Amino acid sequence: MSTYESRLQGREEIATRTLAFHFSKPAGFAFEPGQAIDLVLPGTTPADSQDARHTFSIVSAPFEAGLTVATRMRDSVFKRRLGALPVGSPLTLDGP
């Protein structure tokens, strides 16, 4: 599994309590439809375990300029932190 640096480019509500998060696609990042990535939030360490990372299916197409994931915003520490992350914030992508 490869590790890449990315930035949050935006978010949008696509259904009730469901958000799409848009990220920059790092140079050299390639994936096939149906693959997933782990998002690692800034300021966390591997010791933070479930509060630091979460696996998401990539919902954008491989030919698109950016990466998009979508998720229902349940009340978890990770998703609260992801939802509050300012646009432009860096984060790490592991995968696919």
PDB file of N, CA and C in Angstrom:
ATOM      1  N   MET A   1       0.850  -1.174   0.000  1.00  0.00           N
ATOM      2  CA  MET A   1       0.000   0.000   0.000  1.00  0.00           C
ATOM      3  C   MET A   1       0.897   1.239   0.000  1.00  0.00           C
ATOM      4  N   SER A   2       0.601   2.172  -0.890  1.00  0.00           N
ATOM      5  CA  SER A   2       1.382   3.404  -0.989  1.00  0.00           C
ATOM      6  C   SER A   2       0.762   4.506  -0.145  1.00  0.00           C
ATOM      7  N   THR A   3       1.600   5.471   0.233  1.00  0.00           N
ATOM      8  CA  THR A   3       1.152   6.615   1.027  1.00  0.00           C
ATOM      9  C   THR A   3       1.353   7.884   0.211  1.00  0.00           C
ATOM     10  N   TYR A   4       0.331   8.752   0.220  1.00  0.00           N
ATOM     11  CA  TYR A   4       0.342  10.000  -0.543  1.00  0.00           C
ATOM     12  C   TYR A   4      -0.126  11.147   0.344  1.00  0.00           C
ATOM     13  N   GLU A   5       0.336  12.339   0.021  1.00  0.00           N
ATOM     14  CA  GLU A   5      -0.148  13.548   0.686  1.00  0.00           C
ATOM     15  C   GLU A   5      -1.190  14.201  -0.216  1.00  0.00           C
ATOM     16  N   SER A   6      -2.265  14.707   0.393  1.00  0.00           N
ATOM     17  CA  SER A   6      -3.354  15.329  -0.347  1.00  0.00           C
ATOM     18  C   SER A   6      -3.879  16.514   0.454  1.00  0.00           C
ATOM     19  N   ARG A   7      -4.861  17.210  -0.115  1.00  0.00           N
ATOM     20  CA  ARG A   7      -5.518  18.325   0.579  1.00  0.00           C
ATOM     21  C   ARG A   7      -7.024  18.241   0.342  1.00  0.00           C
ATOM     22  N   LEU A   8      -7.769  18.647   1.364  1.00  0.00           N
ATOM     23  CA  LEU A   8      -9.217  18.731   1.225  1.00  0.00           C
ATOM     24  C   LEU A   8      -9.538  19.921   0.332  1.00  0.00           C
ATOM     25  N   GLN A   9     -10.240  19.680  -0.777  1.00  0.00           N
ATOM     26  CA  GLN A   9     -10.597  20.751  -1.701  1.00  0.00           C
ATOM     27  C   GLN A   9     -12.016  21.249  -1.492  1.00  0.00           C
ATOM     28  N   GLY A  10     -12.847  20.456  -0.834  1.00  0.00           N
ATOM     29  CA  GLY A  10     -14.212  20.892  -0.584  1.00  0.00           C
ATOM     30  C   GLY A  10     -15.066  19.745  -0.091  1.00  0.00           C
ATOM     31  N   ARG A  11     -16.287  20.095   0.294  1.00  0.00           N
ATOM     32  CA  ARG A  11     -17.264  19.096   0.731  1.00  0.00           C
ATOM     33  C   ARG A  11     -18.637  19.582   0.303  1.00  0.00           C
ATOM     34  N   GLU A  12     -19.545  18.650   0.116  1.00  0.00           N
ATOM     35  CA  GLU A  12     -20.908  19.024  -0.247  1.00  0.00           C
ATOM     36  C   GLU A  12     -21.878  17.979   0.279  1.00  0.00           C
ATOM     37  N   GLU A  13     -23.060  18.439   0.656  1.00  0.00           N
ATOM     38  CA  GLU A  13     -24.097  17.517   1.094  1.00  0.00           C
ATOM     39  C   GLU A  13     -24.759  16.938  -0.149  1.00  0.00           C
ATOM     40  N   ILE A  14     -24.757  15.617  -0.269  1.00  0.00           N
ATOM     41  CA  ILE A  14     -25.336  14.971  -1.443  1.00  0.00           C
ATOM     42  C   ILE A  14     -26.645  14.253  -1.122  1.00  0.00           C
ATOM     43  N   ALA A  15     -26.944  14.098   0.151  1.00  0.00           N
ATOM     44  CA  ALA A  15     -28.199  13.531   0.635  1.00  0.00           C
ATOM     45  C   ALA A  15     -28.284  13.896   2.117  1.00  0.00           C
ATOM     46  N   THR A  16     -29.404  13.632   2.731  1.00  0.00           N
ATOM     47  CA  THR A  16     -29.561  13.942   4.144  1.00  0.00           C
ATOM     48  C   THR A  16     -28.478  13.244   4.957  1.00  0.00           C
ATOM     49  N   ARG A  17     -27.693  14.046   5.696  1.00  0.00           N
ATOM     50  CA  ARG A  17     -26.613  13.559   6.557  1.00  0.00           C
ATOM     51  C   ARG A  17     -25.544  12.762   5.797  1.00  0.00           C
ATOM     52  N   THR A  18     -25.427  12.991   4.507  1.00  0.00           N
ATOM     53  CA  THR A  18     -24.415  12.325   3.684  1.00  0.00           C
ATOM     54  C   THR A  18     -23.596  13.381   2.958  1.00  0.00           C
ATOM     55  N   LEU A  19     -22.283  13.335   3.144  1.00  0.00           N
ATOM     56  CA  LEU A  19     -21.396  14.320   2.533  1.00  0.00           C
ATOM     57  C   LEU A  19     -20.430  13.655   1.565  1.00  0.00           C
ATOM     58  N   ALA A  20     -20.107  14.404   0.504  1.00  0.00           N
ATOM     59  CA  ALA A  20     -19.019  14.037  -0.402  1.00  0.00           C
ATOM     60  C   ALA A  20     -17.838  14.921  -0.045  1.00  0.00           C
ATOM     61  N   PHE A  21     -16.665  14.332   0.074  1.00  0.00           N
ATOM     62  CA  PHE A  21     -15.432  15.060   0.372  1.00  0.00           C
ATOM     63  C   PHE A  21     -14.539  14.962  -0.857  1.00  0.00           C
ATOM     64  N   HIS A  22     -14.056  16.121  -1.316  1.00  0.00           N
ATOM     65  CA  HIS A  22     -13.234  16.200  -2.518  1.00  0.00           C
ATOM     66  C   HIS A  22     -11.794  16.509  -2.121  1.00  0.00           C
ATOM     67  N   PHE A  23     -10.871  15.723  -2.658  1.00  0.00           N
ATOM     68  CA  PHE A  23      -9.452  15.851  -2.336  1.00  0.00           C
ATOM     69  C   PHE A  23      -8.643  16.024  -3.615  1.00  0.00           C
ATOM     70  N   SER A  24      -7.481  16.659  -3.481  1.00  0.00           N
ATOM     71  CA  SER A  24      -6.559  16.729  -4.615  1.00  0.00           C
ATOM     72  C   SER A  24      -6.025  15.325  -4.879  1.00  0.00           C
ATOM     73  N   LYS A  25      -5.817  15.024  -6.165  1.00  0.00           N
ATOM     74  CA  LYS A  25      -5.252  13.716  -6.523  1.00  0.00           C
ATOM     75  C   LYS A  25      -3.735  13.870  -6.593  1.00  0.00           C
ATOM     76  N   PRO A  26      -3.003  13.166  -5.745  1.00  0.00           N
ATOM     77  CA  PRO A  26      -1.541  13.275  -5.748  1.00  0.00           C
ATOM     78  C   PRO A  26      -0.929  12.772  -7.058  1.00  0.00           C
ATOM     79  N   ALA A  27       0.206  13.317  -7.405  1.00  0.00           N
ATOM     80  CA  ALA A  27       0.939  12.857  -8.587  1.00  0.00           C
ATOM     81  C   ALA A  27       1.242  11.366  -8.442  1.00  0.00           C
ATOM     82  N   GLY A  28       1.005  10.621  -9.485  1.00  0.00           N
ATOM     83  CA  GLY A  28       1.295   9.191  -9.474  1.00  0.00           C
ATOM     84  C   GLY A  28       0.213   8.325  -8.856  1.00  0.00           C
ATOM     85  N   PHE A  29      -0.858   8.934  -8.346  1.00  0.00           N
ATOM     86  CA  PHE A  29      -1.933   8.163  -7.722  1.00  0.00           C
ATOM     87  C   PHE A  29      -2.809   7.561  -8.821  1.00  0.00           C
ATOM     88  N   ALA A  30      -2.905   6.260  -8.856  1.00  0.00           N
ATOM     89  CA  ALA A  30      -3.736   5.565  -9.841  1.00  0.00           C
ATOM     90  C   ALA A  30      -4.593   4.536  -9.115  1.00  0.00           C
ATOM     91  N   PHE A  31      -5.812   4.356  -9.622  1.00  0.00           N
ATOM     92  CA  PHE A  31      -6.702   3.381  -8.995  1.00  0.00           C
ATOM     93  C   PHE A  31      -7.664   2.838 -10.036  1.00  0.00           C
ATOM     94  N   GLU A  32      -8.281   1.729  -9.690  1.00  0.00           N
ATOM     95  CA  GLU A  32      -9.308   1.099 -10.512  1.00  0.00           C
ATOM     96  C   GLU A  32     -10.662   1.343  -9.850  1.00  0.00           C
ATOM     97  N   PRO A  33     -11.739   1.402 -10.639  1.00  0.00           N
ATOM     98  CA  PRO A  33     -13.065   1.544 -10.038  1.00  0.00           C
ATOM     99  C   PRO A  33     -13.299   0.462  -8.979  1.00  0.00           C
ATOM    100  N   GLY A  34     -13.896   0.857  -7.870  1.00  0.00           N
ATOM    101  CA  GLY A  34     -14.196  -0.076  -6.792  1.00  0.00           C
ATOM    102  C   GLY A  34     -13.140  -0.156  -5.711  1.00  0.00           C
ATOM    103  N   GLN A  35     -11.998   0.495  -5.921  1.00  0.00           N
ATOM    104  CA  GLN A  35     -10.953   0.451  -4.899  1.00  0.00           C
ATOM    105  C   GLN A  35     -11.235   1.454  -3.782  1.00  0.00           C
ATOM    106  N   ALA A  36     -10.508   1.301  -2.682  1.00  0.00           N
ATOM    107  CA  ALA A  36     -10.702   2.127  -1.494  1.00  0.00           C
ATOM    108  C   ALA A  36      -9.376   2.714  -1.039  1.00  0.00           C
ATOM    109  N   ILE A  37      -9.475   3.749  -0.206  1.00  0.00           N
ATOM    110  CA  ILE A  37      -8.305   4.379   0.408  1.00  0.00           C
ATOM    111  C   ILE A  37      -8.562   4.554   1.893  1.00  0.00           C
ATOM    112  N   ASP A  38      -7.490   4.635   2.652  1.00  0.00           N
ATOM    113  CA  ASP A  38      -7.575   5.031   4.054  1.00  0.00           C
ATOM    114  C   ASP A  38      -7.245   6.511   4.128  1.00  0.00           C
ATOM    115  N   LEU A  39      -8.109   7.295   4.761  1.00  0.00           N
ATOM    116  CA  LEU A  39      -7.823   8.698   5.029  1.00  0.00           C
ATOM    117  C   LEU A  39      -7.239   8.793   6.422  1.00  0.00           C
ATOM    118  N   VAL A  40      -6.121   9.494   6.543  1.00  0.00           N
ATOM    119  CA  VAL A  40      -5.468   9.705   7.834  1.00  0.00           C
ATOM    120  C   VAL A  40      -5.502  11.200   8.108  1.00  0.00           C
ATOM    121  N   LEU A  41      -6.160  11.585   9.188  1.00  0.00           N
ATOM    122  CA  LEU A  41      -6.337  13.002   9.500  1.00  0.00           C
ATOM    123  C   LEU A  41      -5.053  13.633  10.008  1.00  0.00           C
ATOM    124  N   PRO A  42      -4.885  14.927   9.752  1.00  0.00           N
ATOM    125  CA  PRO A  42      -3.681  15.620  10.236  1.00  0.00           C
ATOM    126  C   PRO A  42      -3.661  15.679  11.760  1.00  0.00           C
ATOM    127  N   GLY A  43      -2.463  15.668  12.309  1.00  0.00           N
ATOM    128  CA  GLY A  43      -2.309  15.781  13.754  1.00  0.00           C
ATOM    129  C   GLY A  43      -2.604  14.504  14.505  1.00  0.00           C
ATOM    130  N   THR A  44      -2.675  13.379  13.800  1.00  0.00           N
ATOM    131  CA  THR A  44      -2.927  12.101  14.461  1.00  0.00           C
ATOM    132  C   THR A  44      -1.725  11.187  14.245  1.00  0.00           C
ATOM    133  N   THR A  45      -1.654  10.172  15.058  1.00  0.00           N
ATOM    134  CA  THR A  45      -0.583   9.186  14.951  1.00  0.00           C
ATOM    135  C   THR A  45      -1.219   7.801  14.828  1.00  0.00           C
ATOM    136  N   PRO A  46      -0.465   6.805  14.391  1.00  0.00           N
ATOM    137  CA  PRO A  46      -1.021   5.453  14.316  1.00  0.00           C
ATOM    138  C   PRO A  46      -1.570   4.962  15.655  1.00  0.00           C
ATOM    139  N   ALA A  47      -1.051   5.470  16.745  1.00  0.00           N
ATOM    140  CA  ALA A  47      -1.538   5.057  18.068  1.00  0.00           C
ATOM    141  C   ALA A  47      -2.971   5.517  18.317  1.00  0.00           C
ATOM    142  N   ASP A  48      -3.426   6.525  17.564  1.00  0.00           N
ATOM    143  CA  ASP A  48      -4.796   7.017  17.717  1.00  0.00           C
ATOM    144  C   ASP A  48      -5.815   6.041  17.140  1.00  0.00           C
ATOM    145  N   SER A  49      -5.370   5.026  16.435  1.00  0.00           N
ATOM    146  CA  SER A  49      -6.153   3.948  15.823  1.00  0.00           C
ATOM    147  C   SER A  49      -7.403   4.450  15.113  1.00  0.00           C
ATOM    148  N   GLN A  50      -8.587   4.074  15.597  1.00  0.00           N
ATOM    149  CA  GLN A  50      -9.829   4.366  14.887  1.00  0.00           C
ATOM    150  C   GLN A  50     -10.144   5.849  14.806  1.00  0.00           C
ATOM    151  N   ASP A  51      -9.579   6.656  15.668  1.00  0.00           N
ATOM    152  CA  ASP A  51      -9.824   8.092  15.605  1.00  0.00           C
ATOM    153  C   ASP A  51      -8.920   8.769  14.587  1.00  0.00           C
ATOM    154  N   ALA A  52      -7.932   8.057  14.064  1.00  0.00           N
ATOM    155  CA  ALA A  52      -6.942   8.644  13.162  1.00  0.00           C
ATOM    156  C   ALA A  52      -7.211   8.321  11.697  1.00  0.00           C
ATOM    157  N   ARG A  53      -7.793   7.177  11.416  1.00  0.00           N
ATOM    158  CA  ARG A  53      -7.939   6.752  10.016  1.00  0.00           C
ATOM    159  C   ARG A  53      -9.271   6.059   9.797  1.00  0.00           C
ATOM    160  N   HIS A  54      -9.695   6.073   8.549  1.00  0.00           N
ATOM    161  CA  HIS A  54     -10.936   5.397   8.188  1.00  0.00           C
ATOM    162  C   HIS A  54     -10.834   5.007   6.716  1.00  0.00           C
ATOM    163  N   THR A  55     -11.390   3.855   6.366  1.00  0.00           N
ATOM    164  CA  THR A  55     -11.376   3.383   4.987  1.00  0.00           C
ATOM    165  C   THR A  55     -12.639   3.844   4.267  1.00  0.00           C
ATOM    166  N   PHE A  56     -12.444   4.376   3.050  1.00  0.00           N
ATOM    167  CA  PHE A  56     -13.553   4.842   2.223  1.00  0.00           C
ATOM    168  C   PHE A  56     -13.387   4.316   0.806  1.00  0.00           C
ATOM    169  N   SER A  57     -14.497   3.951   0.169  1.00  0.00           N
ATOM    170  CA  SER A  57     -14.480   3.644  -1.258  1.00  0.00           C
ATOM    171  C   SER A  57     -14.333   4.947  -2.025  1.00  0.00           C
ATOM    172  N   ILE A  58     -13.571   4.904  -3.095  1.00  0.00           N
ATOM    173  CA  ILE A  58     -13.415   6.071  -3.953  1.00  0.00           C
ATOM    174  C   ILE A  58     -14.629   6.123  -4.880  1.00  0.00           C
ATOM    175  N   VAL A  59     -15.347   7.251  -4.894  1.00  0.00           N
ATOM    176  CA  VAL A  59     -16.548   7.359  -5.721  1.00  0.00           C
ATOM    177  C   VAL A  59     -16.305   8.150  -6.999  1.00  0.00           C
ATOM    178  N   SER A  60     -15.152   8.773  -7.124  1.00  0.00           N
ATOM    179  CA  SER A  60     -14.825   9.465  -8.371  1.00  0.00           C
ATOM    180  C   SER A  60     -14.275   8.448  -9.374  1.00  0.00           C
ATOM    181  N   ALA A  61     -14.270   8.846 -10.644  1.00  0.00           N
ATOM    182  CA  ALA A  61     -13.736   7.982 -11.697  1.00  0.00           C
ATOM    183  C   ALA A  61     -12.227   8.169 -11.811  1.00  0.00           C
ATOM    184  N   PRO A  62     -11.510   7.134 -12.239  1.00  0.00           N
ATOM    185  CA  PRO A  62     -10.053   7.242 -12.353  1.00  0.00           C
ATOM    186  C   PRO A  62      -9.573   8.373 -13.261  1.00  0.00           C
ATOM    187  N   PHE A  63     -10.369   8.755 -14.267  1.00  0.00           N
ATOM    188  CA  PHE A  63      -9.945   9.808 -15.196  1.00  0.00           C
ATOM    189  C   PHE A  63     -10.194  11.219 -14.665  1.00  0.00           C
ATOM    190  N   GLU A  64     -10.915  11.364 -13.547  1.00  0.00           N
ATOM    191  CA  GLU A  64     -11.197  12.689 -12.998  1.00  0.00           C
ATOM    192  C   GLU A  64      -9.944  13.282 -12.358  1.00  0.00           C
ATOM    193  N   ALA A  65      -9.900  14.608 -12.320  1.00  0.00           N
ATOM    194  CA  ALA A  65      -8.715  15.320 -11.818  1.00  0.00           C
ATOM    195  C   ALA A  65      -8.531  15.173 -10.313  1.00  0.00           C
ATOM    196  N   GLY A  66      -9.617  15.000  -9.565  1.00  0.00           N
ATOM    197  CA  GLY A  66      -9.531  14.885  -8.113  1.00  0.00           C
ATOM    198  C   GLY A  66     -10.046  13.539  -7.632  1.00  0.00           C
ATOM    199  N   LEU A  67     -10.053  13.378  -6.306  1.00  0.00           N
ATOM    200  CA  LEU A  67     -10.573  12.171  -5.661  1.00  0.00           C
ATOM    201  C   LEU A  67     -11.766  12.558  -4.809  1.00  0.00           C
ATOM    202  N   THR A  68     -12.802  11.741  -4.834  1.00  0.00           N
ATOM    203  CA  THR A  68     -13.984  11.997  -4.017  1.00  0.00           C
ATOM    204  C   THR A  68     -14.358  10.734  -3.265  1.00  0.00           C
ATOM    205  N   VAL A  69     -14.702  10.915  -1.990  1.00  0.00           N
ATOM    206  CA  VAL A  69     -15.301   9.854  -1.187  1.00  0.00           C
ATOM    207  C   VAL A  69     -16.606  10.407  -0.639  1.00  0.00           C
ATOM    208  N   ALA A  70     -17.538   9.537  -0.332  1.00  0.00           N
ATOM    209  CA  ALA A  70     -18.813   9.959   0.235  1.00  0.00           C
ATOM    210  C   ALA A  70     -19.103   9.101   1.454  1.00  0.00           C
ATOM    211  N   THR A  71     -19.757   9.714   2.433  1.00  0.00           N
ATOM    212  CA  THR A  71     -20.054   8.975   3.658  1.00  0.00           C
ATOM    213  C   THR A  71     -21.262   9.562   4.368  1.00  0.00           C
ATOM    214  N   ARG A  72     -21.981   8.684   5.029  1.00  0.00           N
ATOM    215  CA  ARG A  72     -23.039   9.128   5.928  1.00  0.00           C
ATOM    216  C   ARG A  72     -22.346   9.644   7.181  1.00  0.00           C
ATOM    217  N   MET A  73     -22.758  10.799   7.658  1.00  0.00           N
ATOM    218  CA  MET A  73     -22.083  11.439   8.782  1.00  0.00           C
ATOM    219  C   MET A  73     -22.641  10.929  10.112  1.00  0.00           C
ATOM    220  N   ARG A  74     -22.181   9.776  10.502  1.00  0.00           N
ATOM    221  CA  ARG A  74     -22.552   9.206  11.806  1.00  0.00           C
ATOM    222  C   ARG A  74     -21.757   9.917  12.898  1.00  0.00           C
ATOM    223  N   ASP A  75     -22.177   9.743  14.120  1.00  0.00           N
ATOM    224  CA  ASP A  75     -21.544  10.450  15.240  1.00  0.00           C
ATOM    225  C   ASP A  75     -20.342   9.665  15.756  1.00  0.00           C
ATOM    226  N   SER A  76     -19.245   9.730  14.992  1.00  0.00           N
ATOM    227  CA  SER A  76     -17.997   9.111  15.435  1.00  0.00           C
ATOM    228  C   SER A  76     -16.944  10.205  15.544  1.00  0.00           C
ATOM    229  N   VAL A  77     -15.925   9.957  16.326  1.00  0.00           N
ATOM    230  CA  VAL A  77     -14.853  10.938  16.492  1.00  0.00           C
ATOM    231  C   VAL A  77     -14.228  11.257  15.142  1.00  0.00           C
ATOM    232  N   PHE A  78     -13.928  10.233  14.348  1.00  0.00           N
ATOM    233  CA  PHE A  78     -13.284  10.455  13.057  1.00  0.00           C
ATOM    234  C   PHE A  78     -14.153  11.329  12.158  1.00  0.00           C
ATOM    235  N   LYS A  79     -15.421  10.989  12.022  1.00  0.00           N
ATOM    236  CA  LYS A  79     -16.277  11.735  11.097  1.00  0.00           C
ATOM    237  C   LYS A  79     -16.559  13.149  11.594  1.00  0.00           C
ATOM    238  N   ARG A  80     -16.623  13.356  12.884  1.00  0.00           N
ATOM    239  CA  ARG A  80     -16.756  14.738  13.397  1.00  0.00           C
ATOM    240  C   ARG A  80     -15.523  15.544  13.023  1.00  0.00           C
ATOM    241  N   ARG A  81     -14.345  14.954  13.190  1.00  0.00           N
ATOM    242  CA  ARG A  81     -13.099  15.660  12.843  1.00  0.00           C
ATOM    243  C   ARG A  81     -13.000  15.893  11.340  1.00  0.00           C
ATOM    244  N   LEU A  82     -13.370  14.901  10.539  1.00  0.00           N
ATOM    245  CA  LEU A  82     -13.348  15.064   9.088  1.00  0.00           C
ATOM    246  C   LEU A  82     -14.318  16.169   8.660  1.00  0.00           C
ATOM    247  N   GLY A  83     -15.507  16.177   9.224  1.00  0.00           N
ATOM    248  CA  GLY A  83     -16.503  17.185   8.879  1.00  0.00           C
ATOM    249  C   GLY A  83     -16.097  18.596   9.258  1.00  0.00           C
ATOM    250  N   ALA A  84     -15.261  18.731  10.278  1.00  0.00           N
ATOM    251  CA  ALA A  84     -14.813  20.047  10.745  1.00  0.00           C
ATOM    252  C   ALA A  84     -13.502  20.487  10.099  1.00  0.00           C
ATOM    253  N   LEU A  85     -12.876  19.628   9.321  1.00  0.00           N
ATOM    254  CA  LEU A  85     -11.582  19.930   8.714  1.00  0.00           C
ATOM    255  C   LEU A  85     -11.724  21.098   7.738  1.00  0.00           C
ATOM    256  N   PRO A  86     -10.923  22.151   7.898  1.00  0.00           N
ATOM    257  CA  PRO A  86     -11.016  23.295   6.980  1.00  0.00           C
ATOM    258  C   PRO A  86     -10.567  22.925   5.565  1.00  0.00           C
ATOM    259  N   VAL A  87     -11.230  23.517   4.581  1.00  0.00           N
ATOM    260  CA  VAL A  87     -10.813  23.336   3.190  1.00  0.00           C
ATOM    261  C   VAL A  87      -9.360  23.792   3.066  1.00  0.00           C
ATOM    262  N   GLY A  88      -8.577  23.017   2.355  1.00  0.00           N
ATOM    263  CA  GLY A  88      -7.150  23.291   2.197  1.00  0.00           C
ATOM    264  C   GLY A  88      -6.275  22.524   3.163  1.00  0.00           C
ATOM    265  N   SER A  89      -6.887  21.864   4.140  1.00  0.00           N
ATOM    266  CA  SER A  89      -6.112  21.103   5.128  1.00  0.00           C
ATOM    267  C   SER A  89      -5.423  19.909   4.479  1.00  0.00           C
ATOM    268  N   PRO A  90      -4.187  19.635   4.907  1.00  0.00           N
ATOM    269  CA  PRO A  90      -3.486  18.457   4.394  1.00  0.00           C
ATOM    270  C   PRO A  90      -3.963  17.199   5.112  1.00  0.00           C
ATOM    271  N   LEU A  91      -3.855  16.071   4.433  1.00  0.00           N
ATOM    272  CA  LEU A  91      -4.104  14.784   5.055  1.00  0.00           C
ATOM    273  C   LEU A  91      -3.370  13.729   4.246  1.00  0.00           C
ATOM    274  N   THR A  92      -3.303  12.543   4.804  1.00  0.00           N
ATOM    275  CA  THR A  92      -2.577  11.448   4.172  1.00  0.00           C
ATOM    276  C   THR A  92      -3.568  10.435   3.616  1.00  0.00           C
ATOM    277  N   LEU A  93      -3.255   9.919   2.430  1.00  0.00           N
ATOM    278  CA  LEU A  93      -4.034   8.853   1.808  1.00  0.00           C
ATOM    279  C   LEU A  93      -3.163   7.609   1.768  1.00  0.00           C
ATOM    280  N   ASP A  94      -3.681   6.501   2.253  1.00  0.00           N
ATOM    281  CA  ASP A  94      -2.995   5.216   2.151  1.00  0.00           C
ATOM    282  C   ASP A  94      -3.782   4.351   1.182  1.00  0.00           C
ATOM    283  N   GLY A  95      -3.112   3.841   0.173  1.00  0.00           N
ATOM    284  CA  GLY A  95      -3.785   2.959  -0.766  1.00  0.00           C
ATOM    285  C   GLY A  95      -3.637   3.455  -2.183  1.00  0.00           C
ATOM    286  N   PRO A  96      -4.342   2.942  -3.102  1.00  0.00           N
ATOM    287  CA  PRO A  96      -5.294   1.845  -2.910  1.00  0.00           C
ATOM    288  C   PRO A  96      -4.602   0.568  -2.806  1.00  0.00           C
TER     289      PRO A  96
END
